[in-house]
Amino acid sequence: MVTEILTIILIPFYLYVGLPGIQRAFASNSLSQMGLWSVFFFAPVVLVGLLGSKVEKGLRLRADRQAADLVGKASFLYSLRKMKGMQFRELERWRLDIPKLSQRLGNLTKYSA
């Protein structure tokens, strides 16, 4: 969600500032200008992706706490532990925006409703 909002903000910036600058840099055949504009153009994309992932991970952990409030902390922890015992590889794979099961369990055991 955050990533999409920041991307919508960055699109006009890239269209009116970034692309013409990169075209001028490559037309001048200057390696320093090409490198500078390439970093200037792609660094915000990487930063927005990392920032958005961190925010989304926090929102997912907060959703776990709210779900624990709804169904009960003990039953929610039990279901997460059962999922961890089943060893779902999809839930433990490395993605920046999705917390691992061990992180979700640790977050909920620290949380007191």
PDB file of N, CA and C in Angstrom:
ATOM      1  N   MET A   1       0.819  -1.179   0.000  1.00  0.00           N
ATOM      2  CA  MET A   1       0.000   0.000   0.000  1.00  0.00           C
ATOM      3  C   MET A   1       0.871   1.254   0.000  1.00  0.00           C
ATOM      4  N   VAL A   2       1.808   1.317   0.926  1.00  0.00           N
ATOM      5  CA  VAL A   2       2.702   2.465   0.991  1.00  0.00           C
ATOM      6  C   VAL A   2       3.559   2.535  -0.262  1.00  0.00           C
ATOM      7  N   THR A   3       4.008   1.386  -0.712  1.00  0.00           N
ATOM      8  CA  THR A   3       4.845   1.345  -1.906  1.00  0.00           C
ATOM      9  C   THR A   3       4.084   1.885  -3.110  1.00  0.00           C
ATOM     10  N   GLU A   4       2.815   1.538  -3.221  1.00  0.00           N
ATOM     11  CA  GLU A   4       2.026   2.005  -4.357  1.00  0.00           C
ATOM     12  C   GLU A   4       1.843   3.524  -4.311  1.00  0.00           C
ATOM     13  N   ILE A   5       1.604   4.075  -3.116  1.00  0.00           N
ATOM     14  CA  ILE A   5       1.413   5.521  -2.988  1.00  0.00           C
ATOM     15  C   ILE A   5       2.692   6.259  -3.360  1.00  0.00           C
ATOM     16  N   LEU A   6       3.833   5.781  -2.836  1.00  0.00           N
ATOM     17  CA  LEU A   6       5.092   6.437  -3.150  1.00  0.00           C
ATOM     18  C   LEU A   6       5.445   6.291  -4.630  1.00  0.00           C
ATOM     19  N   THR A   7       5.078   5.175  -5.220  1.00  0.00           N
ATOM     20  CA  THR A   7       5.332   4.983  -6.647  1.00  0.00           C
ATOM     21  C   THR A   7       4.509   5.963  -7.473  1.00  0.00           C
ATOM     22  N   ILE A   8       3.281   6.196  -7.085  1.00  0.00           N
ATOM     23  CA  ILE A   8       2.433   7.152  -7.802  1.00  0.00           C
ATOM     24  C   ILE A   8       3.021   8.559  -7.710  1.00  0.00           C
ATOM     25  N   ILE A   9       3.618   8.880  -6.576  1.00  0.00           N
ATOM     26  CA  ILE A   9       4.246  10.189  -6.426  1.00  0.00           C
ATOM     27  C   ILE A   9       5.506  10.293  -7.283  1.00  0.00           C
ATOM     28  N   LEU A  10       6.275   9.207  -7.378  1.00  0.00           N
ATOM     29  CA  LEU A  10       7.542   9.254  -8.102  1.00  0.00           C
ATOM     30  C   LEU A  10       7.391   9.221  -9.622  1.00  0.00           C
ATOM     31  N   ILE A  11       6.286   8.707 -10.128  1.00  0.00           N
ATOM     32  CA  ILE A  11       6.126   8.577 -11.585  1.00  0.00           C
ATOM     33  C   ILE A  11       6.221   9.930 -12.293  1.00  0.00           C
ATOM     34  N   PRO A  12       5.486  10.973 -11.856  1.00  0.00           N
ATOM     35  CA  PRO A  12       5.649  12.269 -12.543  1.00  0.00           C
ATOM     36  C   PRO A  12       7.061  12.827 -12.429  1.00  0.00           C
ATOM     37  N   PHE A  13       7.708  12.592 -11.282  1.00  0.00           N
ATOM     38  CA  PHE A  13       9.082  13.048 -11.106  1.00  0.00           C
ATOM     39  C   PHE A  13       9.998  12.421 -12.153  1.00  0.00           C
ATOM     40  N   TYR A  14       9.870  11.133 -12.351  1.00  0.00           N
ATOM     41  CA  TYR A  14      10.714  10.447 -13.328  1.00  0.00           C
ATOM     42  C   TYR A  14      10.400  10.881 -14.751  1.00  0.00           C
ATOM     43  N   LEU A  15       9.138  11.103 -15.035  1.00  0.00           N
ATOM     44  CA  LEU A  15       8.771  11.476 -16.405  1.00  0.00           C
ATOM     45  C   LEU A  15       9.269  12.863 -16.781  1.00  0.00           C
ATOM     46  N   TYR A  16       9.232  13.808 -15.833  1.00  0.00           N
ATOM     47  CA  TYR A  16       9.570  15.192 -16.164  1.00  0.00           C
ATOM     48  C   TYR A  16      10.996  15.589 -15.796  1.00  0.00           C
ATOM     49  N   VAL A  17      11.628  14.888 -14.877  1.00  0.00           N
ATOM     50  CA  VAL A  17      12.985  15.234 -14.462  1.00  0.00           C
ATOM     51  C   VAL A  17      13.971  14.134 -14.832  1.00  0.00           C
ATOM     52  N   GLY A  18      13.658  12.903 -14.477  1.00  0.00           N
ATOM     53  CA  GLY A  18      14.608  11.812 -14.629  1.00  0.00           C
ATOM     54  C   GLY A  18      14.895  11.414 -16.053  1.00  0.00           C
ATOM     55  N   LEU A  19      13.855  11.135 -16.816  1.00  0.00           N
ATOM     56  CA  LEU A  19      14.065  10.661 -18.191  1.00  0.00           C
ATOM     57  C   LEU A  19      14.784  11.676 -19.079  1.00  0.00           C
ATOM     58  N   PRO A  20      14.399  12.957 -19.068  1.00  0.00           N
ATOM     59  CA  PRO A  20      15.165  13.907 -19.890  1.00  0.00           C
ATOM     60  C   PRO A  20      16.622  14.021 -19.457  1.00  0.00           C
ATOM     61  N   GLY A  21      16.873  13.947 -18.159  1.00  0.00           N
ATOM     62  CA  GLY A  21      18.246  14.018 -17.674  1.00  0.00           C
ATOM     63  C   GLY A  21      19.070  12.833 -18.132  1.00  0.00           C
ATOM     64  N   ILE A  22      18.496  11.656 -18.086  1.00  0.00           N
ATOM     65  CA  ILE A  22      19.208  10.456 -18.540  1.00  0.00           C
ATOM     66  C   ILE A  22      19.442  10.528 -20.047  1.00  0.00           C
ATOM     67  N   GLN A  23      18.469  10.996 -20.804  1.00  0.00           N
ATOM     68  CA  GLN A  23      18.645  11.114 -22.249  1.00  0.00           C
ATOM     69  C   GLN A  23      19.771  12.092 -22.593  1.00  0.00           C
ATOM     70  N   ARG A  24      19.839  13.227 -21.876  1.00  0.00           N
ATOM     71  CA  ARG A  24      20.920  14.188 -22.114  1.00  0.00           C
ATOM     72  C   ARG A  24      22.274  13.593 -21.746  1.00  0.00           C
ATOM     73  N   ALA A  25      22.318  12.839 -20.637  1.00  0.00           N
ATOM     74  CA  ALA A  25      23.582  12.248 -20.190  1.00  0.00           C
ATOM     75  C   ALA A  25      24.083  11.224 -21.198  1.00  0.00           C
ATOM     76  N   PHE A  26      23.210  10.384 -21.698  1.00  0.00           N
ATOM     77  CA  PHE A  26      23.644   9.375 -22.673  1.00  0.00           C
ATOM     78  C   PHE A  26      23.951  10.003 -24.033  1.00  0.00           C
ATOM     79  N   ALA A  27      23.281  11.103 -24.359  1.00  0.00           N
ATOM     80  CA  ALA A  27      23.567  11.782 -25.624  1.00  0.00           C
ATOM     81  C   ALA A  27      24.929  12.465 -25.574  1.00  0.00           C
ATOM     82  N   SER A  28      25.375  12.875 -24.394  1.00  0.00           N
ATOM     83  CA  SER A  28      26.664  13.565 -24.278  1.00  0.00           C
ATOM     84  C   SER A  28      27.840  12.593 -24.255  1.00  0.00           C
ATOM     85  N   ASN A  29      27.569  11.293 -24.130  1.00  0.00           N
ATOM     86  CA  ASN A  29      28.612  10.259 -24.069  1.00  0.00           C
ATOM     87  C   ASN A  29      29.574  10.454 -22.903  1.00  0.00           C
ATOM     88  N   SER A  30      29.140  11.083 -21.850  1.00  0.00           N
ATOM     89  CA  SER A  30      29.965  11.284 -20.661  1.00  0.00           C
ATOM     90  C   SER A  30      29.632  10.199 -19.641  1.00  0.00           C
ATOM     91  N   LEU A  31      30.633   9.369 -19.317  1.00  0.00           N
ATOM     92  CA  LEU A  31      30.388   8.275 -18.369  1.00  0.00           C
ATOM     93  C   LEU A  31      30.026   8.783 -16.985  1.00  0.00           C
ATOM     94  N   SER A  32      30.624   9.883 -16.566  1.00  0.00           N
ATOM     95  CA  SER A  32      30.311  10.404 -15.230  1.00  0.00           C
ATOM     96  C   SER A  32      28.864  10.882 -15.154  1.00  0.00           C
ATOM     97  N   GLN A  33      28.404  11.551 -16.213  1.00  0.00           N
ATOM     98  CA  GLN A  33      27.008  11.992 -16.216  1.00  0.00           C
ATOM     99  C   GLN A  33      26.059  10.811 -16.303  1.00  0.00           C
ATOM    100  N   MET A  34      26.423   9.799 -17.092  1.00  0.00           N
ATOM    101  CA  MET A  34      25.572   8.607 -17.196  1.00  0.00           C
ATOM    102  C   MET A  34      25.454   7.918 -15.838  1.00  0.00           C
ATOM    103  N   GLY A  35      26.580   7.762 -15.161  1.00  0.00           N
ATOM    104  CA  GLY A  35      26.559   7.112 -13.849  1.00  0.00           C
ATOM    105  C   GLY A  35      25.783   7.918 -12.829  1.00  0.00           C
ATOM    106  N   LEU A  36      25.995   9.226 -12.826  1.00  0.00           N
ATOM    107  CA  LEU A  36      25.297  10.087 -11.872  1.00  0.00           C
ATOM    108  C   LEU A  36      23.792  10.041 -12.086  1.00  0.00           C
ATOM    109  N   TRP A  37      23.359  10.171 -13.317  1.00  0.00           N
ATOM    110  CA  TRP A  37      21.925  10.141 -13.589  1.00  0.00           C
ATOM    111  C   TRP A  37      21.322   8.760 -13.339  1.00  0.00           C
ATOM    112  N   SER A  38      22.092   7.717 -13.607  1.00  0.00           N
ATOM    113  CA  SER A  38      21.569   6.369 -13.342  1.00  0.00           C
ATOM    114  C   SER A  38      21.352   6.162 -11.850  1.00  0.00           C
ATOM    115  N   VAL A  39      22.307   6.585 -11.027  1.00  0.00           N
ATOM    116  CA  VAL A  39      22.144   6.480  -9.571  1.00  0.00           C
ATOM    117  C   VAL A  39      20.990   7.365  -9.116  1.00  0.00           C
ATOM    118  N   PHE A  40      20.940   8.574  -9.628  1.00  0.00           N
ATOM    119  CA  PHE A  40      19.885   9.518  -9.268  1.00  0.00           C
ATOM    120  C   PHE A  40      18.507   8.983  -9.650  1.00  0.00           C
ATOM    121  N   PHE A  41      18.467   8.230 -10.731  1.00  0.00           N
ATOM    122  CA  PHE A  41      17.199   7.723 -11.241  1.00  0.00           C
ATOM    123  C   PHE A  41      16.739   6.465 -10.504  1.00  0.00           C
ATOM    124  N   PHE A  42      17.663   5.548 -10.188  1.00  0.00           N
ATOM    125  CA  PHE A  42      17.272   4.253  -9.632  1.00  0.00           C
ATOM    126  C   PHE A  42      17.346   4.156  -8.113  1.00  0.00           C
ATOM    127  N   ALA A  43      18.108   5.007  -7.456  1.00  0.00           N
ATOM    128  CA  ALA A  43      18.220   4.951  -5.996  1.00  0.00           C
ATOM    129  C   ALA A  43      16.868   5.160  -5.298  1.00  0.00           C
ATOM    130  N   PRO A  44      16.060   6.134  -5.704  1.00  0.00           N
ATOM    131  CA  PRO A  44      14.755   6.275  -5.040  1.00  0.00           C
ATOM    132  C   PRO A  44      13.855   5.051  -5.194  1.00  0.00           C
ATOM    133  N   VAL A  45      13.966   4.355  -6.309  1.00  0.00           N
ATOM    134  CA  VAL A  45      13.150   3.154  -6.517  1.00  0.00           C
ATOM    135  C   VAL A  45      13.504   2.101  -5.460  1.00  0.00           C
ATOM    136  N   VAL A  46      14.789   1.901  -5.243  1.00  0.00           N
ATOM    137  CA  VAL A  46      15.241   0.924  -4.243  1.00  0.00           C
ATOM    138  C   VAL A  46      14.830   1.369  -2.845  1.00  0.00           C
ATOM    139  N   LEU A  47      15.024   2.643  -2.539  1.00  0.00           N
ATOM    140  CA  LEU A  47      14.676   3.151  -1.208  1.00  0.00           C
ATOM    141  C   LEU A  47      13.182   3.057  -0.929  1.00  0.00           C
ATOM    142  N   VAL A  48      12.367   3.362  -1.927  1.00  0.00           N
ATOM    143  CA  VAL A  48      10.910   3.258  -1.758  1.00  0.00           C
ATOM    144  C   VAL A  48      10.510   1.807  -1.523  1.00  0.00           C
ATOM    145  N   GLY A  49      11.138   0.895  -2.240  1.00  0.00           N
ATOM    146  CA  GLY A  49      10.832  -0.523  -2.041  1.00  0.00           C
ATOM    147  C   GLY A  49      11.178  -0.994  -0.644  1.00  0.00           C
ATOM    148  N   LEU A  50      12.341  -0.594  -0.131  1.00  0.00           N
ATOM    149  CA  LEU A  50      12.746  -1.000   1.219  1.00  0.00           C
ATOM    150  C   LEU A  50      11.860  -0.369   2.280  1.00  0.00           C
ATOM    151  N   LEU A  51      11.564   0.918   2.127  1.00  0.00           N
ATOM    152  CA  LEU A  51      10.711   1.603   3.099  1.00  0.00           C
ATOM    153  C   LEU A  51       9.309   1.006   3.111  1.00  0.00           C
ATOM    154  N   GLY A  52       8.768   0.780   1.921  1.00  0.00           N
ATOM    155  CA  GLY A  52       7.426   0.198   1.831  1.00  0.00           C
ATOM    156  C   GLY A  52       7.364  -1.188   2.439  1.00  0.00           C
ATOM    157  N   SER A  53       8.403  -1.990   2.239  1.00  0.00           N
ATOM    158  CA  SER A  53       8.431  -3.338   2.805  1.00  0.00           C
ATOM    159  C   SER A  53       8.462  -3.304   4.318  1.00  0.00           C
ATOM    160  N   LYS A  54       9.232  -2.391   4.879  1.00  0.00           N
ATOM    161  CA  LYS A  54       9.318  -2.276   6.338  1.00  0.00           C
ATOM    162  C   LYS A  54       7.970  -1.859   6.927  1.00  0.00           C
ATOM    163  N   VAL A  55       7.311  -0.924   6.291  1.00  0.00           N
ATOM    164  CA  VAL A  55       6.000  -0.468   6.772  1.00  0.00           C
ATOM    165  C   VAL A  55       4.975  -1.599   6.649  1.00  0.00           C
ATOM    166  N   GLU A  56       4.984  -2.311   5.527  1.00  0.00           N
ATOM    167  CA  GLU A  56       4.023  -3.396   5.334  1.00  0.00           C
ATOM    168  C   GLU A  56       4.245  -4.526   6.333  1.00  0.00           C
ATOM    169  N   LYS A  57       5.504  -4.819   6.663  1.00  0.00           N
ATOM    170  CA  LYS A  57       5.789  -5.857   7.648  1.00  0.00           C
ATOM    171  C   LYS A  57       5.232  -5.449   9.013  1.00  0.00           C
ATOM    172  N   GLY A  58       5.398  -4.189   9.379  1.00  0.00           N
ATOM    173  CA  GLY A  58       4.846  -3.694  10.635  1.00  0.00           C
ATOM    174  C   GLY A  58       3.323  -3.785  10.667  1.00  0.00           C
ATOM    175  N   LEU A  59       2.701  -3.492   9.528  1.00  0.00           N
ATOM    176  CA  LEU A  59       1.243  -3.591   9.460  1.00  0.00           C
ATOM    177  C   LEU A  59       0.775  -5.040   9.589  1.00  0.00           C
ATOM    178  N   ARG A  60       1.524  -5.965   9.023  1.00  0.00           N
ATOM    179  CA  ARG A  60       1.152  -7.384   9.142  1.00  0.00           C
ATOM    180  C   ARG A  60       1.289  -7.871  10.582  1.00  0.00           C
ATOM    181  N   LEU A  61       2.336  -7.420  11.276  1.00  0.00           N
ATOM    182  CA  LEU A  61       2.501  -7.802  12.680  1.00  0.00           C
ATOM    183  C   LEU A  61       1.393  -7.191  13.541  1.00  0.00           C
ATOM    184  N   ARG A  62       0.995  -5.975  13.215  1.00  0.00           N
ATOM    185  CA  ARG A  62      -0.113  -5.347  13.942  1.00  0.00           C
ATOM    186  C   ARG A  62      -1.422  -6.089  13.671  1.00  0.00           C
ATOM    187  N   ALA A  63      -1.602  -6.571  12.445  1.00  0.00           N
ATOM    188  CA  ALA A  63      -2.797  -7.354  12.115  1.00  0.00           C
ATOM    189  C   ALA A  63      -2.823  -8.660  12.912  1.00  0.00           C
ATOM    190  N   ASP A  64      -1.653  -9.265  13.130  1.00  0.00           N
ATOM    191  CA  ASP A  64      -1.583 -10.467  13.971  1.00  0.00           C
ATOM    192  C   ASP A  64      -2.055 -10.164  15.397  1.00  0.00           C
ATOM    193  N   ARG A  65      -1.641  -9.029  15.926  1.00  0.00           N
ATOM    194  CA  ARG A  65      -2.070  -8.659  17.295  1.00  0.00           C
ATOM    195  C   ARG A  65      -3.572  -8.434  17.345  1.00  0.00           C
ATOM    196  N   GLN A  66      -4.121  -7.809  16.318  1.00  0.00           N
ATOM    197  CA  GLN A  66      -5.567  -7.580  16.296  1.00  0.00           C
ATOM    198  C   GLN A  66      -6.326  -8.892  16.133  1.00  0.00           C
ATOM    199  N   ALA A  67      -5.788  -9.799  15.345  1.00  0.00           N
ATOM    200  CA  ALA A  67      -6.421 -11.116  15.201  1.00  0.00           C
ATOM    201  C   ALA A  67      -6.366 -11.878  16.518  1.00  0.00           C
ATOM    202  N   ALA A  68      -5.256 -11.748  17.244  1.00  0.00           N
ATOM    203  CA  ALA A  68      -5.145 -12.401  18.553  1.00  0.00           C
ATOM    204  C   ALA A  68      -6.163 -11.822  19.531  1.00  0.00           C
ATOM    205  N   ASP A  69      -6.437 -10.538  19.428  1.00  0.00           N
ATOM    206  CA  ASP A  69      -7.471  -9.937  20.277  1.00  0.00           C
ATOM    207  C   ASP A  69      -8.852 -10.493  19.949  1.00  0.00           C
ATOM    208  N   LEU A  70      -9.100 -10.753  18.673  1.00  0.00           N
ATOM    209  CA  LEU A  70     -10.421 -11.237  18.256  1.00  0.00           C
ATOM    210  C   LEU A  70     -10.658 -12.693  18.641  1.00  0.00           C
ATOM    211  N   VAL A  71      -9.709 -13.563  18.338  1.00  0.00           N
ATOM    212  CA  VAL A  71      -9.934 -14.993  18.545  1.00  0.00           C
ATOM    213  C   VAL A  71      -9.327 -15.509  19.849  1.00  0.00           C
ATOM    214  N   GLY A  72      -8.518 -14.695  20.490  1.00  0.00           N
ATOM    215  CA  GLY A  72      -7.846 -15.127  21.705  1.00  0.00           C
ATOM    216  C   GLY A  72      -6.382 -15.412  21.427  1.00  0.00           C
ATOM    217  N   LYS A  73      -5.558 -14.919  22.316  1.00  0.00           N
ATOM    218  CA  LYS A  73      -4.119 -15.033  22.093  1.00  0.00           C
ATOM    219  C   LYS A  73      -3.661 -16.488  22.106  1.00  0.00           C
ATOM    220  N   ALA A  74      -4.193 -17.278  23.016  1.00  0.00           N
ATOM    221  CA  ALA A  74      -3.754 -18.669  23.145  1.00  0.00           C
ATOM    222  C   ALA A  74      -4.090 -19.475  21.893  1.00  0.00           C
ATOM    223  N   SER A  75      -5.310 -19.323  21.385  1.00  0.00           N
ATOM    224  CA  SER A  75      -5.689 -20.099  20.205  1.00  0.00           C
ATOM    225  C   SER A  75      -4.933 -19.630  18.960  1.00  0.00           C
ATOM    226  N   PHE A  76      -4.679 -18.334  18.866  1.00  0.00           N
ATOM    227  CA  PHE A  76      -3.929 -17.832  17.714  1.00  0.00           C
ATOM    228  C   PHE A  76      -2.477 -18.309  17.765  1.00  0.00           C
ATOM    229  N   LEU A  77      -1.868 -18.267  18.953  1.00  0.00           N
ATOM    230  CA  LEU A  77      -0.504 -18.785  19.107  1.00  0.00           C
ATOM    231  C   LEU A  77      -0.461 -20.280  18.795  1.00  0.00           C
ATOM    232  N   TYR A  78      -1.474 -21.006  19.230  1.00  0.00           N
ATOM    233  CA  TYR A  78      -1.535 -22.445  18.963  1.00  0.00           C
ATOM    234  C   TYR A  78      -1.564 -22.709  17.456  1.00  0.00           C
ATOM    235  N   SER A  79      -2.378 -21.940  16.741  1.00  0.00           N
ATOM    236  CA  SER A  79      -2.461 -22.159  15.293  1.00  0.00           C
ATOM    237  C   SER A  79      -1.151 -21.786  14.592  1.00  0.00           C
ATOM    238  N   LEU A  80      -0.485 -20.725  15.044  1.00  0.00           N
ATOM    239  CA  LEU A  80       0.804 -20.367  14.448  1.00  0.00           C
ATOM    240  C   LEU A  80       1.863 -21.429  14.736  1.00  0.00           C
ATOM    241  N   ARG A  81       1.860 -21.948  15.959  1.00  0.00           N
ATOM    242  CA  ARG A  81       2.821 -23.006  16.302  1.00  0.00           C
ATOM    243  C   ARG A  81       2.554 -24.271  15.491  1.00  0.00           C
ATOM    244  N   LYS A  82       1.287 -24.561  15.276  1.00  0.00           N
ATOM    245  CA  LYS A  82       0.935 -25.729  14.474  1.00  0.00           C
ATOM    246  C   LYS A  82       1.401 -25.541  13.030  1.00  0.00           C
ATOM    247  N   MET A  83       1.221 -24.345  12.496  1.00  0.00           N
ATOM    248  CA  MET A  83       1.703 -24.051  11.143  1.00  0.00           C
ATOM    249  C   MET A  83       3.223 -24.169  11.079  1.00  0.00           C
ATOM    250  N   LYS A  84       3.907 -23.714  12.130  1.00  0.00           N
ATOM    251  CA  LYS A  84       5.374 -23.829  12.155  1.00  0.00           C
ATOM    252  C   LYS A  84       5.796 -25.290  12.213  1.00  0.00           C
ATOM    253  N   GLY A  85       5.042 -26.094  12.966  1.00  0.00           N
ATOM    254  CA  GLY A  85       5.343 -27.515  13.043  1.00  0.00           C
ATOM    255  C   GLY A  85       5.126 -28.243  11.727  1.00  0.00           C
ATOM    256  N   MET A  86       4.202 -27.758  10.914  1.00  0.00           N
ATOM    257  CA  MET A  86       3.945 -28.359   9.604  1.00  0.00           C
ATOM    258  C   MET A  86       5.003 -27.960   8.581  1.00  0.00           C
ATOM    259  N   GLN A  87       5.827 -27.001   8.932  1.00  0.00           N
ATOM    260  CA  GLN A  87       6.942 -26.537   8.103  1.00  0.00           C
ATOM    261  C   GLN A  87       6.495 -26.105   6.707  1.00  0.00           C
ATOM    262  N   PHE A  88       5.626 -25.110   6.680  1.00  0.00           N
ATOM    263  CA  PHE A  88       5.238 -24.509   5.411  1.00  0.00           C
ATOM    264  C   PHE A  88       6.416 -23.707   4.875  1.00  0.00           C
ATOM    265  N   ARG A  89       6.982 -24.143   3.797  1.00  0.00           N
ATOM    266  CA  ARG A  89       8.133 -23.437   3.228  1.00  0.00           C
ATOM    267  C   ARG A  89       7.730 -22.068   2.678  1.00  0.00           C
ATOM    268  N   GLU A  90       6.496 -21.935   2.228  1.00  0.00           N
ATOM    269  CA  GLU A  90       6.045 -20.661   1.680  1.00  0.00           C
ATOM    270  C   GLU A  90       6.031 -19.573   2.744  1.00  0.00           C
ATOM    271  N   LEU A  91       5.775 -19.950   3.997  1.00  0.00           N
ATOM    272  CA  LEU A  91       5.707 -18.967   5.073  1.00  0.00           C
ATOM    273  C   LEU A  91       7.076 -18.619   5.649  1.00  0.00           C
ATOM    274  N   GLU A  92       8.088 -19.389   5.335  1.00  0.00           N
ATOM    275  CA  GLU A  92       9.427 -19.131   5.851  1.00  0.00           C
ATOM    276  C   GLU A  92      10.388 -18.629   4.778  1.00  0.00           C
ATOM    277  N   ARG A  93       9.896 -18.436   3.568  1.00  0.00           N
ATOM    278  CA  ARG A  93      10.803 -17.959   2.523  1.00  0.00           C
ATOM    279  C   ARG A  93      11.126 -16.483   2.767  1.00  0.00           C
ATOM    280  N   TRP A  94      12.198 -16.040   2.144  1.00  0.00           N
ATOM    281  CA  TRP A  94      12.705 -14.705   2.408  1.00  0.00           C
ATOM    282  C   TRP A  94      11.993 -13.687   1.537  1.00  0.00           C
ATOM    283  N   ARG A  95      11.195 -12.850   2.197  1.00  0.00           N
ATOM    284  CA  ARG A  95      10.575 -11.693   1.561  1.00  0.00           C
ATOM    285  C   ARG A  95      10.601 -10.562   2.555  1.00  0.00           C
ATOM    286  N   LEU A  96      10.862  -9.372   2.089  1.00  0.00           N
ATOM    287  CA  LEU A  96      11.001  -8.250   3.003  1.00  0.00           C
ATOM    288  C   LEU A  96       9.683  -7.812   3.623  1.00  0.00           C
ATOM    289  N   ASP A  97       8.585  -7.971   2.913  1.00  0.00           N
ATOM    290  CA  ASP A  97       7.314  -7.442   3.397  1.00  0.00           C
ATOM    291  C   ASP A  97       6.515  -8.429   4.232  1.00  0.00           C
ATOM    292  N   ILE A  98       6.937  -9.687   4.301  1.00  0.00           N
ATOM    293  CA  ILE A  98       6.194 -10.686   5.065  1.00  0.00           C
ATOM    294  C   ILE A  98       7.074 -11.197   6.202  1.00  0.00           C
ATOM    295  N   PRO A  99       6.612 -11.032   7.458  1.00  0.00           N
ATOM    296  CA  PRO A  99       7.414 -11.543   8.579  1.00  0.00           C
ATOM    297  C   PRO A  99       7.395 -13.071   8.619  1.00  0.00           C
ATOM    298  N   LYS A 100       8.498 -13.657   9.044  1.00  0.00           N
ATOM    299  CA  LYS A 100       8.572 -15.113   9.162  1.00  0.00           C
ATOM    300  C   LYS A 100       7.723 -15.563  10.345  1.00  0.00           C
ATOM    301  N   LEU A 101       7.376 -16.847  10.348  1.00  0.00           N
ATOM    302  CA  LEU A 101       6.548 -17.379  11.431  1.00  0.00           C
ATOM    303  C   LEU A 101       7.217 -17.197  12.791  1.00  0.00           C
ATOM    304  N   SER A 102       8.523 -17.396  12.854  1.00  0.00           N
ATOM    305  CA  SER A 102       9.221 -17.226  14.127  1.00  0.00           C
ATOM    306  C   SER A 102       9.120 -15.784  14.612  1.00  0.00           C
ATOM    307  N   GLN A 103       9.181 -14.820  13.690  1.00  0.00           N
ATOM    308  CA  GLN A 103       9.035 -13.417  14.065  1.00  0.00           C
ATOM    309  C   GLN A 103       7.604 -13.118  14.508  1.00  0.00           C
ATOM    310  N   ARG A 104       6.636 -13.718  13.845  1.00  0.00           N
ATOM    311  CA  ARG A 104       5.238 -13.525  14.240  1.00  0.00           C
ATOM    312  C   ARG A 104       4.976 -14.115  15.619  1.00  0.00           C
ATOM    313  N   LEU A 105       5.547 -15.300  15.880  1.00  0.00           N
ATOM    314  CA  LEU A 105       5.374 -15.925  17.200  1.00  0.00           C
ATOM    315  C   LEU A 105       6.034 -15.073  18.281  1.00  0.00           C
ATOM    316  N   GLY A 106       7.231 -14.584  18.024  1.00  0.00           N
ATOM    317  CA  GLY A 106       7.918 -13.750  18.997  1.00  0.00           C
ATOM    318  C   GLY A 106       7.171 -12.473  19.268  1.00  0.00           C
ATOM    319  N   ASN A 107       6.599 -11.882  18.230  1.00  0.00           N
ATOM    320  CA  ASN A 107       5.825 -10.640  18.386  1.00  0.00           C
ATOM    321  C   ASN A 107       4.596 -10.875  19.255  1.00  0.00           C
ATOM    322  N   LEU A 108       3.930 -12.006  19.050  1.00  0.00           N
ATOM    323  CA  LEU A 108       2.709 -12.282  19.817  1.00  0.00           C
ATOM    324  C   LEU A 108       3.004 -12.699  21.254  1.00  0.00           C
ATOM    325  N   THR A 109       4.113 -13.388  21.486  1.00  0.00           N
ATOM    326  CA  THR A 109       4.413 -13.788  22.877  1.00  0.00           C
ATOM    327  C   THR A 109       4.787 -12.557  23.706  1.00  0.00           C
ATOM    328  N   LYS A 110       5.382 -11.540  23.077  1.00  0.00           N
ATOM    329  CA  LYS A 110       5.684 -10.291  23.800  1.00  0.00           C
ATOM    330  C   LYS A 110       4.431  -9.452  24.026  1.00  0.00           C
ATOM    331  N   TYR A 111       3.454  -9.613  23.176  1.00  0.00           N
ATOM    332  CA  TYR A 111       2.241  -8.795  23.216  1.00  0.00           C
ATOM    333  C   TYR A 111       1.306  -9.283  24.308  1.00  0.00           C
ATOM    334  N   SER A 112       0.845  -8.376  25.141  1.00  0.00           N
ATOM    335  CA  SER A 112      -0.148  -8.728  26.165  1.00  0.00           C
ATOM    336  C   SER A 112      -1.374  -7.874  25.940  1.00  0.00           C
ATOM    337  N   ALA A 113      -2.489  -8.523  25.709  1.00  0.00           N
ATOM    338  CA  ALA A 113      -3.737  -7.818  25.396  1.00  0.00           C
ATOM    339  C   ALA A 113      -4.350  -7.218  26.635  1.00  0.00           C
TER     340      ALA A 113
END
